Amino acid sequence: ARRCREHCGLLVAGFKSKIAASEKASGVVESHTEMDDLLANVAELAAEEEERKAEKTAEKEAKERDNERADGMRDEAMKGMKKRKTKGDILPALIEHVRERDEFNREIAIRTVANEENRLALERERLELEKKERAAFIQLLGSLTTKLLVPQ
């Protein structure tokens, strides 16, 4: 598997350098083979995977920052509660406050999940549309190539 991955990496790297040299020389890609198309697809899929990994890392870092900020706010709130002088029984008020906070946090979590699901659905739709567009483009190129190569 490793040798296959390395060989594929070498093919894609060679393809990228070939395309760059071709574009540098003439400004457009000159020759196009089926292997070039396949290597272009592999390179595109690799780029998409890198983008997905970067997004996932960014989301994870944002979540960690939010958790750290929430911990800090919670600690500050608890410090403020320790400094207050108690008058009478504050336990019922504290329990009510905790219930309200928990309910609010649940609602926020539900909204966050719903928003994430919506975002993922939209992302899936976008990727599907791009995939269909690429397939149509490849089919168009194939039919144009066939028409150009078939003598009339």
C-alpha atoms as a PDB file:
ATOM      1  CA  ALA A   1       0.000   0.000   0.000  1.00  0.00           C
ATOM      2  CA  ARG A   2       2.873   2.344   0.836  1.00  0.00           C
ATOM      3  CA  ARG A   3       4.645   1.703  -2.470  1.00  0.00           C
ATOM      4  CA  CYS A   4       1.393   2.259  -4.348  1.00  0.00           C
ATOM      5  CA  ARG A   5       0.815   5.530  -2.472  1.00  0.00           C
ATOM      6  CA  GLU A   6       4.386   6.654  -3.200  1.00  0.00           C
ATOM      7  CA  HIS A   7       4.072   5.728  -6.877  1.00  0.00           C
ATOM      8  CA  CYS A   8       0.768   7.594  -7.133  1.00  0.00           C
ATOM      9  CA  GLY A   9       2.379  10.599  -5.432  1.00  0.00           C
ATOM     10  CA  LEU A  10       5.224  10.537  -7.939  1.00  0.00           C
ATOM     11  CA  LEU A  11       2.773  10.330 -10.856  1.00  0.00           C
ATOM     12  CA  VAL A  12       0.745  13.275  -9.530  1.00  0.00           C
ATOM     13  CA  ALA A  13       3.891  15.325  -8.863  1.00  0.00           C
ATOM     14  CA  GLY A  14       5.140  14.604 -12.382  1.00  0.00           C
ATOM     15  CA  PHE A  15       1.757  15.540 -13.800  1.00  0.00           C
ATOM     16  CA  LYS A  16       1.722  18.843 -11.894  1.00  0.00           C
ATOM     17  CA  SER A  17       5.218  19.732 -13.098  1.00  0.00           C
ATOM     18  CA  LYS A  18       4.256  18.763 -16.669  1.00  0.00           C
ATOM     19  CA  ILE A  19       1.170  20.975 -16.546  1.00  0.00           C
ATOM     20  CA  ALA A  20       3.115  23.868 -15.012  1.00  0.00           C
ATOM     21  CA  ALA A  21       5.831  23.597 -17.662  1.00  0.00           C
ATOM     22  CA  SER A  22       3.246  23.339 -20.442  1.00  0.00           C
ATOM     23  CA  GLU A  23       1.318  26.373 -19.213  1.00  0.00           C
ATOM     24  CA  LYS A  24       4.529  28.327 -18.727  1.00  0.00           C
ATOM     25  CA  ALA A  25       5.663  27.530 -22.243  1.00  0.00           C
ATOM     26  CA  SER A  26       2.456  28.275 -24.130  1.00  0.00           C
ATOM     27  CA  GLY A  27      -0.046  29.661 -21.652  1.00  0.00           C
ATOM     28  CA  VAL A  28      -2.436  26.749 -22.106  1.00  0.00           C
ATOM     29  CA  VAL A  29      -2.313  23.014 -21.573  1.00  0.00           C
ATOM     30  CA  GLU A  30      -1.163  21.535 -24.873  1.00  0.00           C
ATOM     31  CA  SER A  31      -1.655  17.775 -24.882  1.00  0.00           C
ATOM     32  CA  HIS A  32      -4.303  15.952 -22.932  1.00  0.00           C
ATOM     33  CA  THR A  33      -4.434  12.205 -22.399  1.00  0.00           C
ATOM     34  CA  GLU A  34      -6.760  10.035 -20.405  1.00  0.00           C
ATOM     35  CA  MET A  35      -3.983   9.553 -17.856  1.00  0.00           C
ATOM     36  CA  ASP A  36      -3.688  13.338 -17.545  1.00  0.00           C
ATOM     37  CA  ASP A  37      -7.412  13.522 -16.805  1.00  0.00           C
ATOM     38  CA  LEU A  38      -7.167  10.798 -14.216  1.00  0.00           C
ATOM     39  CA  LEU A  39      -4.132  12.399 -12.580  1.00  0.00           C
ATOM     40  CA  ALA A  40      -5.945  15.749 -12.560  1.00  0.00           C
ATOM     41  CA  ASN A  41      -8.872  14.085 -10.778  1.00  0.00           C
ATOM     42  CA  VAL A  42      -6.517  12.493  -8.235  1.00  0.00           C
ATOM     43  CA  ALA A  43      -4.808  15.842  -7.626  1.00  0.00           C
ATOM     44  CA  GLU A  44      -8.189  17.546  -7.223  1.00  0.00           C
ATOM     45  CA  LEU A  45      -9.402  14.914  -4.774  1.00  0.00           C
ATOM     46  CA  ALA A  46      -6.174  15.277  -2.775  1.00  0.00           C
ATOM     47  CA  ALA A  47      -6.674  19.048  -2.619  1.00  0.00           C
ATOM     48  CA  GLU A  48     -10.281  18.583  -1.462  1.00  0.00           C
ATOM     49  CA  GLU A  49      -9.114  16.178   1.241  1.00  0.00           C
ATOM     50  CA  GLU A  50      -6.533  18.703   2.448  1.00  0.00           C
ATOM     51  CA  GLU A  51      -9.231  21.380   2.604  1.00  0.00           C
ATOM     52  CA  ARG A  52     -11.501  19.046   4.575  1.00  0.00           C
ATOM     53  CA  LYS A  53      -8.723  18.280   7.034  1.00  0.00           C
ATOM     54  CA  ALA A  54      -7.952  21.980   7.439  1.00  0.00           C
ATOM     55  CA  GLU A  55     -11.637  22.735   8.097  1.00  0.00           C
ATOM     56  CA  LYS A  56     -11.840  19.922  10.618  1.00  0.00           C
ATOM     57  CA  THR A  57      -8.734  21.199  12.416  1.00  0.00           C
ATOM     58  CA  ALA A  58     -10.099  24.756  12.451  1.00  0.00           C
ATOM     59  CA  GLU A  59     -13.422  23.547  13.865  1.00  0.00           C
ATOM     60  CA  LYS A  60     -11.633  21.557  16.555  1.00  0.00           C
ATOM     61  CA  GLU A  61      -9.482  24.541  17.525  1.00  0.00           C
ATOM     62  CA  ALA A  62     -12.541  26.816  17.645  1.00  0.00           C
ATOM     63  CA  LYS A  63     -14.346  24.325  19.861  1.00  0.00           C
ATOM     64  CA  GLU A  64     -11.339  24.122  22.196  1.00  0.00           C
ATOM     65  CA  ARG A  65     -11.167  27.932  22.390  1.00  0.00           C
ATOM     66  CA  ASP A  66     -14.884  28.082  23.176  1.00  0.00           C
ATOM     67  CA  ASN A  67     -14.496  25.460  25.896  1.00  0.00           C
ATOM     68  CA  GLU A  68     -11.549  27.316  27.419  1.00  0.00           C
ATOM     69  CA  ARG A  69     -13.473  30.587  27.328  1.00  0.00           C
ATOM     70  CA  ALA A  70     -16.493  28.902  28.921  1.00  0.00           C
ATOM     71  CA  ASP A  71     -14.286  27.434  31.654  1.00  0.00           C
ATOM     72  CA  GLY A  72     -12.813  30.866  32.333  1.00  0.00           C
ATOM     73  CA  MET A  73     -16.247  32.468  32.479  1.00  0.00           C
ATOM     74  CA  ARG A  74     -17.478  29.721  34.778  1.00  0.00           C
ATOM     75  CA  ASP A  75     -14.503  30.210  37.100  1.00  0.00           C
ATOM     76  CA  GLU A  76     -15.040  33.973  37.154  1.00  0.00           C
ATOM     77  CA  ALA A  77     -18.728  33.491  37.912  1.00  0.00           C
ATOM     78  CA  MET A  78     -17.905  31.142  40.752  1.00  0.00           C
ATOM     79  CA  LYS A  79     -15.408  33.637  42.193  1.00  0.00           C
ATOM     80  CA  GLY A  80     -18.118  36.279  42.155  1.00  0.00           C
ATOM     81  CA  MET A  81     -20.495  33.958  43.983  1.00  0.00           C
ATOM     82  CA  LYS A  82     -17.920  33.223  46.685  1.00  0.00           C
ATOM     83  CA  LYS A  83     -17.479  36.925  47.451  1.00  0.00           C
ATOM     84  CA  ARG A  84     -21.182  37.590  48.001  1.00  0.00           C
ATOM     85  CA  LYS A  85     -22.499  37.693  51.498  1.00  0.00           C
ATOM     86  CA  THR A  86     -25.296  35.281  52.036  1.00  0.00           C
ATOM     87  CA  LYS A  87     -28.607  36.597  53.238  1.00  0.00           C
ATOM     88  CA  GLY A  88     -30.982  33.897  54.181  1.00  0.00           C
ATOM     89  CA  ASP A  89     -31.273  30.747  52.163  1.00  0.00           C
ATOM     90  CA  ILE A  90     -29.873  31.191  48.617  1.00  0.00           C
ATOM     91  CA  LEU A  91     -29.970  27.495  47.764  1.00  0.00           C
ATOM     92  CA  PRO A  92     -33.377  27.605  45.964  1.00  0.00           C
ATOM     93  CA  ALA A  93     -32.259  30.594  43.879  1.00  0.00           C
ATOM     94  CA  LEU A  94     -28.996  28.842  43.029  1.00  0.00           C
ATOM     95  CA  ILE A  95     -30.820  25.668  42.029  1.00  0.00           C
ATOM     96  CA  GLU A  96     -33.185  27.678  39.823  1.00  0.00           C
ATOM     97  CA  HIS A  97     -30.237  29.480  38.246  1.00  0.00           C
ATOM     98  CA  VAL A  98     -28.491  26.166  37.514  1.00  0.00           C
ATOM     99  CA  ARG A  99     -31.683  24.780  35.950  1.00  0.00           C
ATOM    100  CA  GLU A 100     -32.084  27.842  33.733  1.00  0.00           C
ATOM    101  CA  ARG A 101     -28.427  27.699  32.722  1.00  0.00           C
ATOM    102  CA  ASP A 102     -28.656  23.991  31.900  1.00  0.00           C
ATOM    103  CA  GLU A 103     -31.814  24.552  29.854  1.00  0.00           C
ATOM    104  CA  PHE A 104     -30.134  27.412  27.987  1.00  0.00           C
ATOM    105  CA  ASN A 105     -27.051  25.263  27.327  1.00  0.00           C
ATOM    106  CA  ARG A 106     -29.258  22.428  26.022  1.00  0.00           C
ATOM    107  CA  GLU A 107     -31.035  24.802  23.642  1.00  0.00           C
ATOM    108  CA  ILE A 108     -27.715  26.161  22.414  1.00  0.00           C
ATOM    109  CA  ALA A 109     -26.405  22.609  21.900  1.00  0.00           C
ATOM    110  CA  ILE A 110     -29.541  21.656  19.941  1.00  0.00           C
ATOM    111  CA  ARG A 111     -29.227  24.762  17.758  1.00  0.00           C
ATOM    112  CA  THR A 112     -25.532  24.086  17.226  1.00  0.00           C
ATOM    113  CA  VAL A 113     -26.218  20.518  16.127  1.00  0.00           C
ATOM    114  CA  ALA A 114     -29.029  21.654  13.820  1.00  0.00           C
ATOM    115  CA  ASN A 115     -26.817  24.344  12.285  1.00  0.00           C
ATOM    116  CA  GLU A 116     -23.981  21.852  11.812  1.00  0.00           C
ATOM    117  CA  GLU A 117     -26.350  19.353  10.176  1.00  0.00           C
ATOM    118  CA  ASN A 118     -27.637  22.080   7.846  1.00  0.00           C
ATOM    119  CA  ARG A 119     -24.089  23.138   7.004  1.00  0.00           C
ATOM    120  CA  LEU A 120     -23.082  19.547   6.269  1.00  0.00           C
ATOM    121  CA  ALA A 121     -26.168  19.000   4.101  1.00  0.00           C
ATOM    122  CA  LEU A 122     -25.394  22.139   2.120  1.00  0.00           C
ATOM    123  CA  GLU A 123     -21.763  21.078   1.792  1.00  0.00           C
ATOM    124  CA  ARG A 124     -22.847  17.642   0.527  1.00  0.00           C
ATOM    125  CA  GLU A 125     -25.146  19.271  -2.016  1.00  0.00           C
ATOM    126  CA  ARG A 126     -22.367  21.592  -3.158  1.00  0.00           C
ATOM    127  CA  LEU A 127     -19.920  18.713  -3.544  1.00  0.00           C
ATOM    128  CA  GLU A 128     -22.503  16.639  -5.411  1.00  0.00           C
ATOM    129  CA  LEU A 129     -23.184  19.525  -7.798  1.00  0.00           C
ATOM    130  CA  GLU A 130     -19.470  20.005  -8.387  1.00  0.00           C
ATOM    131  CA  LYS A 131     -19.089  16.277  -9.020  1.00  0.00           C
ATOM    132  CA  LYS A 132     -21.954  16.315 -11.544  1.00  0.00           C
ATOM    133  CA  GLU A 133     -20.477  19.386 -13.179  1.00  0.00           C
ATOM    134  CA  ARG A 134     -17.076  17.693 -13.522  1.00  0.00           C
ATOM    135  CA  ALA A 135     -18.716  14.547 -14.920  1.00  0.00           C
ATOM    136  CA  ALA A 136     -20.668  16.598 -17.466  1.00  0.00           C
ATOM    137  CA  PHE A 137     -17.510  18.477 -18.423  1.00  0.00           C
ATOM    138  CA  ILE A 138     -15.567  15.241 -18.860  1.00  0.00           C
ATOM    139  CA  GLN A 139     -18.410  13.799 -20.934  1.00  0.00           C
ATOM    140  CA  LEU A 140     -18.478  16.968 -23.042  1.00  0.00           C
ATOM    141  CA  LEU A 141     -14.733  16.773 -23.587  1.00  0.00           C
ATOM    142  CA  GLY A 142     -15.068  13.102 -24.526  1.00  0.00           C
ATOM    143  CA  SER A 143     -17.807  13.781 -27.045  1.00  0.00           C
ATOM    144  CA  LEU A 144     -15.885  16.727 -28.520  1.00  0.00           C
ATOM    145  CA  THR A 145     -12.770  14.591 -28.784  1.00  0.00           C
ATOM    146  CA  THR A 146     -14.753  11.819 -30.459  1.00  0.00           C
ATOM    147  CA  LYS A 147     -16.281  14.255 -32.952  1.00  0.00           C
ATOM    148  CA  LEU A 148     -12.909  15.803 -33.734  1.00  0.00           C
ATOM    149  CA  LEU A 149     -11.161  12.463 -34.173  1.00  0.00           C
ATOM    150  CA  VAL A 150     -13.860  10.736 -36.257  1.00  0.00           C
ATOM    151  CA  PRO A 151     -13.362  11.577 -39.967  1.00  0.00           C
ATOM    152  CA  GLN A 152     -16.433  12.951 -41.704  1.00  0.00           C
END
